[in-house]
Protein backbone atom coordinates (compact mmCIF):
# COMPACT_ATOMS: atom_id res chain seq x y z
CA MET A 1 0.00 0.00 0.00
CA LYS A 2 2.82 2.37 0.95
CA ASN A 3 4.65 1.70 -2.34
CA SER A 4 1.49 2.27 -4.35
CA ARG A 5 0.95 5.63 -2.65
CA ILE A 6 4.51 6.64 -3.43
CA GLY A 7 4.02 5.56 -7.01
CA LEU A 8 0.82 7.56 -7.28
CA ILE A 9 2.52 10.65 -5.89
CA LEU A 10 5.40 10.27 -8.35
CA LEU A 11 2.94 9.90 -11.22
CA ILE A 12 1.08 13.06 -10.19
CA VAL A 13 4.33 15.01 -9.87
CA THR A 14 5.43 13.76 -13.30
CA LEU A 15 2.13 14.77 -14.92
CA ILE A 16 2.31 18.21 -13.31
CA GLY A 17 5.85 18.58 -14.60
CA ILE A 18 4.82 17.57 -18.10
CA SER A 19 1.87 19.96 -18.00
CA SER A 20 4.03 22.83 -16.75
CA SER A 21 6.68 22.09 -19.36
CA ALA A 22 4.08 22.11 -22.11
CA ALA A 23 2.71 25.46 -20.93
CA LEU A 24 6.16 26.99 -20.80
CA CYS A 25 6.99 25.78 -24.28
CA THR A 26 3.96 27.38 -25.94
CA VAL A 27 4.97 29.83 -28.68
CA TYR A 28 3.01 33.04 -29.17
CA VAL A 29 3.19 35.51 -32.03
CA ASN A 30 2.54 39.20 -31.44
CA LYS A 31 -1.18 39.79 -31.90
CA ILE A 32 -0.67 42.36 -34.66
CA PHE A 33 -0.01 39.30 -36.84
CA THR A 34 -3.32 37.68 -37.80
CA SER A 35 -4.71 35.92 -40.81
CA ASN A 36 -5.33 38.33 -43.75
CA ALA A 37 -2.29 40.46 -42.83
CA VAL A 38 -0.23 42.37 -45.38
CA LEU A 39 3.56 42.28 -44.96
CA GLN A 40 5.77 44.99 -46.44
CA GLN A 41 7.48 43.99 -49.67
CA LYS A 42 11.14 44.48 -50.63
CA ILE A 43 12.48 44.84 -47.08
CA PRO A 44 13.38 42.25 -44.41
CA ILE A 45 10.11 41.26 -42.73
CA PRO A 46 10.14 41.31 -38.90
CA VAL A 47 7.96 38.79 -37.08
CA TRP A 48 8.12 38.52 -33.30
CA GLY A 49 6.49 37.10 -30.20
CA THR A 50 7.13 35.28 -26.95
CA ALA A 51 8.16 31.79 -25.82
CA SER A 52 10.21 30.13 -23.11
CA ASN A 53 13.88 31.04 -22.88
CA GLY A 54 16.09 28.90 -25.06
CA GLU A 55 13.27 27.64 -27.24
CA THR A 56 13.76 27.77 -31.01
CA VAL A 57 10.99 29.35 -33.06
CA THR A 58 10.77 28.94 -36.83
CA VAL A 59 8.70 31.20 -39.08
CA THR A 60 7.90 30.00 -42.61
CA ILE A 61 6.17 31.72 -45.53
CA ASN A 62 6.43 31.61 -49.32
CA GLY A 63 9.12 28.91 -49.19
CA GLU A 64 11.31 30.89 -46.78
CA SER A 65 12.07 29.79 -43.21
CA VAL A 66 13.98 31.67 -40.51
CA SER A 67 14.58 30.57 -36.92
CA ALA A 68 15.41 32.41 -33.71
CA VAL A 69 16.22 31.33 -30.16
CA THR A 70 14.08 32.91 -27.46
CA SER A 71 15.90 35.20 -25.04
CA SER A 72 14.36 37.00 -22.05
CA GLY A 73 11.05 35.48 -23.09
CA LYS A 74 11.10 37.12 -26.52
CA TRP A 75 11.96 36.05 -30.05
CA CYS A 76 12.17 37.92 -33.34
CA VAL A 77 13.04 36.82 -36.86
CA ASN A 78 13.63 38.82 -40.01
CA LEU A 79 12.34 37.01 -43.05
CA PRO A 80 14.15 37.84 -46.30
CA ALA A 81 12.77 40.62 -48.49
CA MET A 82 10.11 39.42 -50.91
CA ASN A 83 8.25 40.89 -53.84
CA ALA A 84 4.53 41.61 -53.78
CA GLY A 85 2.35 38.54 -53.99
CA GLY A 86 0.04 36.18 -52.18
CA PRO A 87 -2.02 34.91 -50.64
CA TYR A 88 0.34 32.74 -48.60
CA THR A 89 0.19 30.70 -45.42
CA MET A 90 2.54 31.59 -42.57
CA THR A 91 3.47 29.17 -39.80
CA ILE A 92 5.16 29.99 -36.50
CA ALA A 93 6.44 26.75 -35.00
CA GLY A 94 7.92 25.94 -31.61
CA PRO A 95 8.65 22.64 -29.83
CA SER A 96 5.07 22.07 -28.69
CA ASN A 97 2.77 24.10 -30.94
CA THR A 98 2.43 25.62 -34.40
CA ILE A 99 0.48 28.77 -35.21
CA THR A 100 -0.96 28.94 -38.72
CA LEU A 101 -1.98 32.23 -40.31
CA THR A 102 -3.73 32.12 -43.66
CA ASN A 103 -4.42 34.51 -46.56
CA ILE A 104 -1.24 36.53 -45.99
CA ASP A 105 -0.34 39.06 -48.69
CA ILE A 106 2.95 40.82 -49.35
CA GLY A 107 2.64 44.38 -50.63
CA GLU A 108 2.57 47.96 -49.33
CA VAL A 109 1.84 48.76 -45.67
CA TRP A 110 1.07 52.25 -44.33
CA VAL A 111 0.22 53.58 -40.87
CA ALA A 112 -2.79 55.93 -40.60
CA SER A 113 -2.55 58.09 -37.48
CA GLY A 114 -3.48 61.48 -36.08
CA GLN A 115 -6.52 62.94 -34.38
CA SER A 116 -10.24 63.07 -35.13
CA ASN A 117 -10.18 63.68 -38.88
CA MET A 118 -8.18 60.46 -39.24
CA ASP A 119 -10.00 58.69 -36.45
CA ASP A 120 -13.63 59.71 -36.01
CA VAL A 121 -14.78 60.24 -39.60
CA THR A 122 -15.35 56.79 -41.04
CA VAL A 123 -16.13 55.76 -44.60
CA ASN A 124 -19.86 55.37 -43.94
CA MET A 125 -19.95 58.94 -42.57
CA SER A 126 -18.20 60.44 -45.59
CA ASP A 127 -19.83 62.22 -48.49
CA SER A 128 -18.61 59.39 -50.74
CA TRP A 129 -20.33 56.56 -48.89
CA SER A 130 -23.11 56.22 -51.46
CA THR A 131 -20.42 55.47 -54.03
CA ALA A 132 -17.97 53.56 -51.83
CA SER A 133 -20.75 51.28 -50.59
CA THR A 134 -21.19 49.96 -54.13
CA TRP A 135 -17.52 49.20 -54.77
CA ALA A 136 -16.66 45.56 -55.24
CA ASP A 137 -14.90 43.71 -52.45
CA ASP A 138 -11.14 43.87 -52.88
CA PRO A 139 -9.36 40.72 -51.64
CA HIS A 140 -5.97 42.45 -51.66
CA LEU A 141 -6.89 45.57 -49.68
CA ARG A 142 -6.57 44.86 -45.96
CA MET A 143 -7.24 46.98 -42.86
CA VAL A 144 -6.33 46.57 -39.20
CA THR A 145 -9.20 47.19 -36.82
CA GLY A 146 -9.55 46.62 -33.09
CA ILE A 147 -6.60 48.62 -31.71
CA THR A 148 -7.87 50.16 -28.48
CA ARG A 149 -7.55 53.94 -28.20
CA THR A 150 -5.52 54.02 -25.04
CA THR A 151 -2.60 55.68 -23.30
CA ALA A 152 0.43 54.29 -21.52
CA THR A 153 3.44 55.69 -19.70
CA THR A 154 5.71 52.86 -20.81
CA ALA A 155 5.40 50.80 -23.95
CA PRO A 156 3.49 47.52 -23.53
CA SER A 157 4.67 44.53 -25.50
CA GLU A 158 1.48 44.54 -27.55
CA VAL A 159 -1.22 47.04 -28.47
CA SER A 160 -4.36 46.93 -26.36
CA GLY A 161 -7.51 45.39 -27.71
CA THR A 162 -7.93 42.64 -30.27
CA PRO A 163 -6.35 43.82 -33.51
CA SER A 164 -7.48 41.96 -36.58
CA TRP A 165 -6.64 42.29 -40.25
CA LYS A 166 -9.86 42.58 -42.28
CA VAL A 167 -10.24 42.02 -46.01
CA ASP A 168 -11.98 44.89 -47.78
CA THR A 169 -15.72 44.32 -47.99
CA GLN A 170 -18.61 46.76 -47.80
CA SER A 171 -19.11 46.06 -44.09
CA ALA A 172 -15.39 46.12 -43.27
CA ARG A 173 -14.76 49.46 -44.99
CA ALA A 174 -17.88 51.12 -43.55
CA GLY A 175 -16.43 51.67 -40.09
CA PHE A 176 -12.82 52.26 -41.12
CA SER A 177 -10.98 55.59 -41.23
CA ALA A 178 -12.27 57.40 -44.31
CA VAL A 179 -8.96 59.09 -45.11
CA GLY A 180 -7.02 55.84 -44.59
CA TYR A 181 -9.43 53.79 -46.69
CA PHE A 182 -9.67 56.18 -49.64
CA PHE A 183 -5.86 56.41 -49.65
CA ALA A 184 -5.57 52.63 -49.78
CA HIS A 185 -8.27 52.28 -52.44
CA LYS A 186 -6.51 54.76 -54.74
CA LEU A 187 -3.09 53.24 -54.08
CA ARG A 188 -4.44 49.80 -54.98
CA GLU A 189 -5.78 51.20 -58.24
CA MET A 190 -2.48 52.81 -59.20
CA LEU A 191 0.05 50.24 -57.96
CA ASN A 192 -1.93 47.01 -58.47
CA VAL A 193 -0.23 45.34 -55.49
CA PRO A 194 -1.70 44.37 -52.10
CA VAL A 195 -2.13 47.31 -49.73
CA GLY A 196 -2.53 47.19 -45.95
CA ILE A 197 -3.39 49.99 -43.50
CA LEU A 198 -2.50 49.98 -39.79
CA TRP A 199 -5.11 52.35 -38.31
CA SER A 200 -4.01 53.75 -34.95
CA ALA A 201 -5.44 57.22 -34.26
CA ARG A 202 -7.26 59.13 -31.52
CA GLY A 203 -9.40 62.25 -31.69
CA ALA A 204 -8.71 65.46 -29.75
CA THR A 205 -5.04 64.71 -29.19
CA PHE A 206 -1.86 66.75 -29.33
CA ILE A 207 1.20 65.79 -31.36
CA GLU A 208 3.21 65.82 -28.11
CA GLN A 209 1.13 62.86 -26.93
CA TRP A 210 2.37 60.94 -29.97
CA THR A 211 6.05 61.76 -29.44
CA ASP A 212 8.53 60.41 -26.90
CA LYS A 213 9.57 63.48 -24.92
CA GLN A 214 13.28 62.70 -25.28
CA TYR A 215 13.02 63.80 -28.92
CA THR A 216 11.76 67.27 -28.03
CA GLU A 217 14.72 68.09 -25.79
CA GLY A 218 17.00 70.76 -27.17
CA LEU A 219 14.43 72.07 -29.67
CA GLY A 220 13.24 74.95 -27.53
CA ILE A 221 9.66 73.67 -27.41
CA ASN A 222 7.47 75.09 -24.66
CA TYR A 223 3.98 73.65 -24.46
CA ASP A 224 2.71 75.84 -21.64
CA GLY A 225 -0.71 77.27 -22.42
CA GLU A 226 -1.70 74.64 -24.99
CA GLY A 227 -5.07 74.46 -23.25
CA THR A 228 -4.97 70.98 -21.79
CA SER A 229 -2.90 68.73 -19.60
CA PHE A 230 -1.49 65.41 -20.72
CA ASN A 231 1.40 63.01 -20.38
CA TYR A 232 3.98 63.42 -23.10
CA GLY A 233 4.15 60.40 -25.36
CA GLU A 234 1.15 58.64 -23.82
CA PHE A 235 -0.52 57.70 -27.10
CA TYR A 236 2.83 56.96 -28.68
CA TYR A 237 3.51 54.42 -25.96
CA GLY A 238 -0.02 53.08 -25.93
CA MET A 239 -0.81 52.88 -29.65
CA ILE A 240 2.35 53.23 -31.79
CA LYS A 241 5.40 51.89 -29.96
CA PRO A 242 3.84 48.41 -29.61
CA LEU A 243 3.47 48.23 -33.43
CA GLN A 244 7.22 48.53 -33.93
CA PRO A 245 9.08 47.04 -35.75
CA TYR A 246 6.24 45.90 -38.05
CA GLY A 247 7.45 46.37 -41.62
CA ILE A 248 5.92 49.49 -43.20
CA LYS A 249 6.40 51.69 -46.23
CA GLY A 250 5.47 54.91 -44.44
CA ALA A 251 2.96 56.80 -42.33
CA MET A 252 0.07 59.24 -42.85
CA TRP A 253 -0.45 61.97 -40.26
CA TYR A 254 -3.58 64.17 -40.02
CA GLN A 255 -3.44 66.38 -36.93
CA GLY A 256 -2.98 70.00 -35.91
CA GLU A 257 -6.41 71.40 -35.09
CA THR A 258 -5.51 71.44 -31.37
CA HIS A 259 -2.50 73.72 -31.90
CA LYS A 260 -2.38 77.48 -32.25
CA ASP A 261 1.33 78.25 -31.91
CA ALA A 262 2.76 77.48 -35.34
CA SER A 263 6.41 77.91 -34.42
CA GLN A 264 5.91 75.33 -31.68
CA TYR A 265 4.01 73.02 -34.02
CA TYR A 266 6.71 73.07 -36.67
CA LYS A 267 9.33 72.13 -34.08
CA ALA A 268 6.99 69.46 -32.76
CA LEU A 269 6.68 67.96 -36.26
CA VAL A 270 10.47 67.80 -36.48
CA ALA A 271 10.63 65.95 -33.17
CA PHE A 272 7.66 63.72 -34.02
CA THR A 273 9.01 62.46 -37.35
CA LYS A 274 12.47 61.92 -35.85
CA CYS A 275 10.96 59.92 -32.99
CA TRP A 276 8.94 57.56 -35.17
CA ARG A 277 11.70 57.06 -37.70
CA THR A 278 14.42 56.43 -35.13
CA ASP A 279 12.41 54.07 -32.97
CA TRP A 280 10.93 52.12 -35.87
CA GLY A 281 14.42 51.32 -37.14
CA GLN A 282 13.53 51.43 -40.83
CA GLY A 283 15.37 54.60 -41.78
CA ALA A 284 13.78 57.87 -42.90
CA PHE A 285 10.57 56.29 -44.12
CA PRO A 286 8.05 58.59 -45.86
CA PHE A 287 5.59 60.74 -43.95
CA LEU A 288 2.47 62.00 -45.72
CA LEU A 289 1.02 65.00 -43.88
CA VAL A 290 -2.47 66.47 -44.27
CA GLN A 291 -2.77 70.24 -44.06
CA ILE A 292 -5.66 71.11 -41.72
CA ALA A 293 -8.92 72.12 -43.36
CA PRO A 294 -10.68 75.51 -43.19
CA TYR A 295 -12.82 75.95 -40.09
CA ASN A 296 -14.45 79.00 -38.50
CA SER A 297 -12.94 78.26 -35.13
CA GLY A 298 -12.95 81.79 -33.80
CA ASP A 299 -9.62 80.99 -32.14
CA GLY A 300 -7.27 82.22 -34.87
CA GLY A 301 -3.95 80.66 -35.64
CA TRP A 302 -5.06 78.04 -38.15
CA ALA A 303 -3.28 79.79 -41.03
CA GLU A 304 -0.03 79.60 -39.08
CA VAL A 305 -0.53 75.90 -38.41
CA ARG A 306 -1.04 75.31 -42.15
CA GLU A 307 2.18 77.21 -42.76
CA ALA A 308 3.98 75.00 -40.23
CA GLU A 309 2.70 71.88 -42.01
CA LEU A 310 3.77 73.25 -45.40
CA LYS A 311 7.21 74.12 -44.07
CA ALA A 312 7.56 70.68 -42.51
CA SER A 313 6.78 69.04 -45.85
CA GLN A 314 9.43 71.21 -47.52
CA THR A 315 12.22 70.90 -44.96
CA ILE A 316 11.87 67.49 -43.29
CA ALA A 317 13.37 64.86 -45.58
CA ASN A 318 11.04 62.44 -47.33
CA THR A 319 7.88 64.25 -46.25
CA SER A 320 4.92 65.17 -48.47
CA LEU A 321 1.72 67.16 -48.03
CA ALA A 322 -1.92 66.84 -49.08
CA LEU A 323 -4.04 70.02 -49.11
CA THR A 324 -7.66 70.28 -47.98
CA ILE A 325 -8.21 74.02 -48.43
CA ASP A 326 -10.76 73.53 -51.23
CA VAL A 327 -12.62 70.38 -50.19
CA SER A 328 -13.99 71.20 -46.75
CA ASP A 329 -16.97 72.80 -45.04
CA PRO A 330 -15.80 75.69 -42.82
CA THR A 331 -18.74 75.08 -40.48
CA LEU A 332 -17.52 71.56 -39.66
CA ILE A 333 -14.34 70.80 -37.75
CA HIS A 334 -14.82 67.25 -39.07
CA PRO A 335 -15.55 67.84 -42.77
CA LEU A 336 -17.09 64.82 -44.46
CA ASN A 337 -15.54 65.21 -47.92
CA LYS A 338 -12.75 62.78 -47.15
CA GLU A 339 -12.30 60.97 -50.47
CA PRO A 340 -10.29 63.83 -52.08
CA VAL A 341 -8.04 63.89 -49.01
CA GLY A 342 -7.25 60.18 -49.26
CA VAL A 343 -6.80 60.44 -53.03
CA ARG A 344 -4.39 63.37 -52.71
CA LEU A 345 -2.36 61.46 -50.14
CA ALA A 346 -2.17 58.54 -52.56
CA LEU A 347 -1.13 60.82 -55.43
CA ALA A 348 1.56 62.37 -53.22
CA ALA A 349 2.81 58.86 -52.48
CA ILE A 350 2.79 57.94 -56.15
CA GLU A 351 4.78 61.03 -57.09
CA ASP A 352 7.14 61.38 -54.15
CA VAL A 353 7.52 57.80 -52.90
CA TYR A 354 6.84 55.45 -55.78
CA HIS A 355 7.71 57.78 -58.70
CA LYS A 356 5.10 55.94 -60.73
CA GLU A 357 5.27 56.39 -64.51
CA TYR A 358 8.24 58.75 -64.41
CA SER A 359 11.63 57.82 -65.84
CA ASN A 360 13.43 59.82 -63.16
CA LYS A 361 12.55 62.17 -60.34
CA GLU A 362 13.87 65.27 -62.07
CA SER A 363 11.56 64.88 -65.07
CA ARG A 364 8.33 64.94 -63.05
CA LYS A 365 5.83 67.77 -63.33
CA HIS A 366 5.76 68.12 -59.51
CA LEU A 367 1.98 68.14 -59.23
CA THR A 368 1.66 67.66 -55.48
CA PRO A 369 0.79 69.13 -53.14
CA GLY A 370 -0.28 71.89 -55.54
CA PRO A 371 1.09 75.35 -56.30
CA THR A 372 3.28 76.49 -53.38
CA TYR A 373 4.86 79.89 -52.86
CA ARG A 374 8.44 80.21 -54.11
CA SER A 375 9.31 83.91 -54.25
CA MET A 376 8.06 87.48 -54.62
CA SER A 377 9.45 90.33 -56.69
CA ILE A 378 8.24 93.97 -56.74
CA ASN A 379 7.63 95.90 -59.93
CA GLY A 380 6.48 99.41 -59.04
CA SER A 381 3.11 99.07 -57.32
CA THR A 382 2.67 95.38 -58.08
CA ALA A 383 3.95 92.21 -56.44
CA ILE A 384 4.75 89.23 -58.67
CA ILE A 385 4.42 85.82 -57.01
CA THR A 386 6.10 82.71 -58.41
CA PHE A 387 5.26 79.14 -57.46
CA ASP A 388 6.59 75.61 -57.34
CA ASN A 389 4.50 72.53 -58.15
CA ILE A 390 2.38 74.24 -60.79
CA GLY A 391 1.95 71.19 -62.98
CA SER A 392 0.74 72.28 -66.42
CA GLY A 393 -0.02 75.83 -65.26
CA LEU A 394 -2.16 78.01 -63.01
CA VAL A 395 -5.95 78.40 -63.28
CA ILE A 396 -8.93 79.79 -61.39
CA SER A 397 -10.71 76.75 -59.98
CA SER A 398 -14.08 78.45 -59.41
CA GLY A 399 -15.61 81.81 -60.27
CA THR A 400 -14.12 84.35 -62.65
CA SER A 401 -11.52 86.12 -60.52
CA LEU A 402 -8.97 85.15 -57.89
CA THR A 403 -10.01 85.47 -54.26
CA GLY A 404 -8.28 85.44 -50.89
CA TRP A 405 -5.42 87.88 -51.61
CA VAL A 406 -4.28 90.80 -49.43
CA ILE A 407 -1.34 93.17 -49.82
CA ALA A 408 0.48 95.62 -47.53
CA GLY A 409 3.04 98.39 -47.69
CA ALA A 410 5.57 99.50 -45.10
CA ASP A 411 2.79 100.49 -42.68
CA LYS A 412 1.71 96.79 -42.53
CA VAL A 413 -1.92 97.72 -43.11
CA TRP A 414 -3.53 94.92 -45.13
CA TYR A 415 -5.85 95.65 -48.05
CA ASN A 416 -7.89 93.34 -50.21
CA ALA A 417 -5.93 92.91 -53.42
CA ASN A 418 -6.56 92.37 -57.09
CA ALA A 419 -4.79 89.24 -58.24
CA VAL A 420 -4.38 88.13 -61.85
CA ILE A 421 -2.74 85.04 -63.32
CA SER A 422 0.05 85.98 -65.70
CA GLY A 423 1.65 82.91 -67.23
CA ASN A 424 2.99 80.88 -64.32
CA THR A 425 2.88 83.79 -61.88
CA VAL A 426 0.22 85.81 -60.05
CA VAL A 427 0.40 89.61 -60.18
CA VAL A 428 -1.01 91.25 -57.04
CA SER A 429 -1.89 94.93 -56.49
CA SER A 430 -4.18 97.39 -54.72
CA SER A 431 -4.92 101.05 -55.39
CA SER A 432 -4.39 101.60 -51.66
CA VAL A 433 -0.79 100.32 -51.72
CA THR A 434 1.69 102.12 -53.94
CA LYS A 435 4.82 100.42 -52.63
CA PRO A 436 3.99 96.86 -51.59
CA ILE A 437 6.33 94.90 -49.35
CA ALA A 438 4.24 91.81 -48.49
CA VAL A 439 1.44 89.60 -49.81
CA ARG A 440 -0.72 86.98 -48.14
CA TYR A 441 -3.00 84.39 -49.70
CA GLY A 442 -5.71 82.47 -47.87
CA TRP A 443 -4.44 83.82 -44.57
CA GLU A 444 -7.51 83.12 -42.43
CA ASP A 445 -8.88 80.25 -40.37
CA ALA A 446 -11.42 79.55 -43.12
CA PRO A 447 -10.37 81.36 -46.29
CA VAL A 448 -12.18 81.39 -49.61
CA THR A 449 -9.51 80.57 -52.20
CA ASN A 450 -9.54 79.46 -55.82
CA LEU A 451 -6.01 79.33 -57.24
CA ALA A 452 -5.12 75.88 -58.53
CA SER A 453 -3.09 73.99 -61.08
CA VAL A 454 -4.57 72.77 -64.35
CA GLU A 455 -4.53 69.27 -62.85
CA GLY A 456 -6.87 70.40 -60.05
CA PHE A 457 -4.50 70.70 -57.10
CA PRO A 458 -5.23 73.81 -54.99
CA ALA A 459 -2.57 76.35 -54.09
CA SER A 460 -1.46 76.34 -50.48
CA PRO A 461 -2.11 79.45 -48.38
CA PHE A 462 1.06 81.43 -47.65
CA ARG A 463 2.52 84.72 -46.50
CA THR A 464 5.65 86.43 -47.80
CA ASP A 465 6.31 88.16 -44.47
CA CYS A 466 7.16 86.69 -41.06
CA PRO A 467 8.51 83.31 -42.16
CA LEU A 468 8.64 80.64 -39.49
CA PRO A 469 12.03 80.25 -37.79
CA ASN A 470 13.88 76.98 -38.16
């Protein structure tokens, strides 16, 4: 009897040991990897997760297998760069279990982030829903949903919530970011490769909440008086840092309505892009910025924020801009005409990132973001404005005469101006100003403007005086 009890105890201990060993040996993949995912083409593909120390994990897809040994409970492999294609099956195998993910594509992956105009306005809320709801399902357009809008003071190992890659269907697109979706839809049309969007945005947020504070040090940024209190980097830690180092092509950023100090916002954009690029570890990947739309805020300062965004697109390497000055309702802080915004972002990517249909960068017409101020010269009582990015030439997009122009002399008193297109320039004058020294265009929170390129890209608001400091 005694021996049988001892034997029973040994058996129980052995079974417990086997059970514990099996639990410890379970391999997990980071939950951003699900079936239907899109992996970035033409770069090494990171895949990572957790397992017991010392365990070997092997990831296999498209005939390629790479293994890693778990250290400190974590493993990460870099699959070799692959060309666009799919769908494939991916397996993540450890000693005691294998995870199988199906319908995996390889193509172009972009992050869609920012505040409410990237977050709260979904496709089914947009003016284009009646059209977008009839579009055919696209098996190679994929969207991540389910990332919880949350903050953190240190980066968790995974994003909160239950992220899931969804294949584009009418129901899947309905509740997705309108700007992000229309960007992806246009990119699919033009590139004809799989496209995936990582949607991680939160309304009513400041750019400082999306930036690790260490990157703002030494830039002379002072956020006192911004009108709210927050923890620096809290959304970056909660919603972006856990996505790294997922392979991406670039990021879209639509934010700025919460800022009024343009010199601060420009510096913040410098810090923000440096933070994401450095921490992601994929070099100076492209950023596509959206210039904030017209809105009768009553607060002032929106023109300066647009200027900061324009300057950022011109001075921060590998950064482009999409304009919204002509496609918004100034009575709505969340304008619903989001398809042109997404399309313009896609066209900026085609021209500046993919260089589609151009033999070399220098030969392009430079269509995006639209006509942008280059220089001013004075000829007697007139100011002559020259532009970059004019495409095939300048036109009046609506009405019969240019609107939104003011001019000033040495007294800095601003007068409504007459503005006329002359070739690829605009000639500006006023009978009240005999010796002009400065011109402004669209310099209001919600200006009425109508200068554009032949191709339909609007001119960006600008001022020739008081340029932003670097």
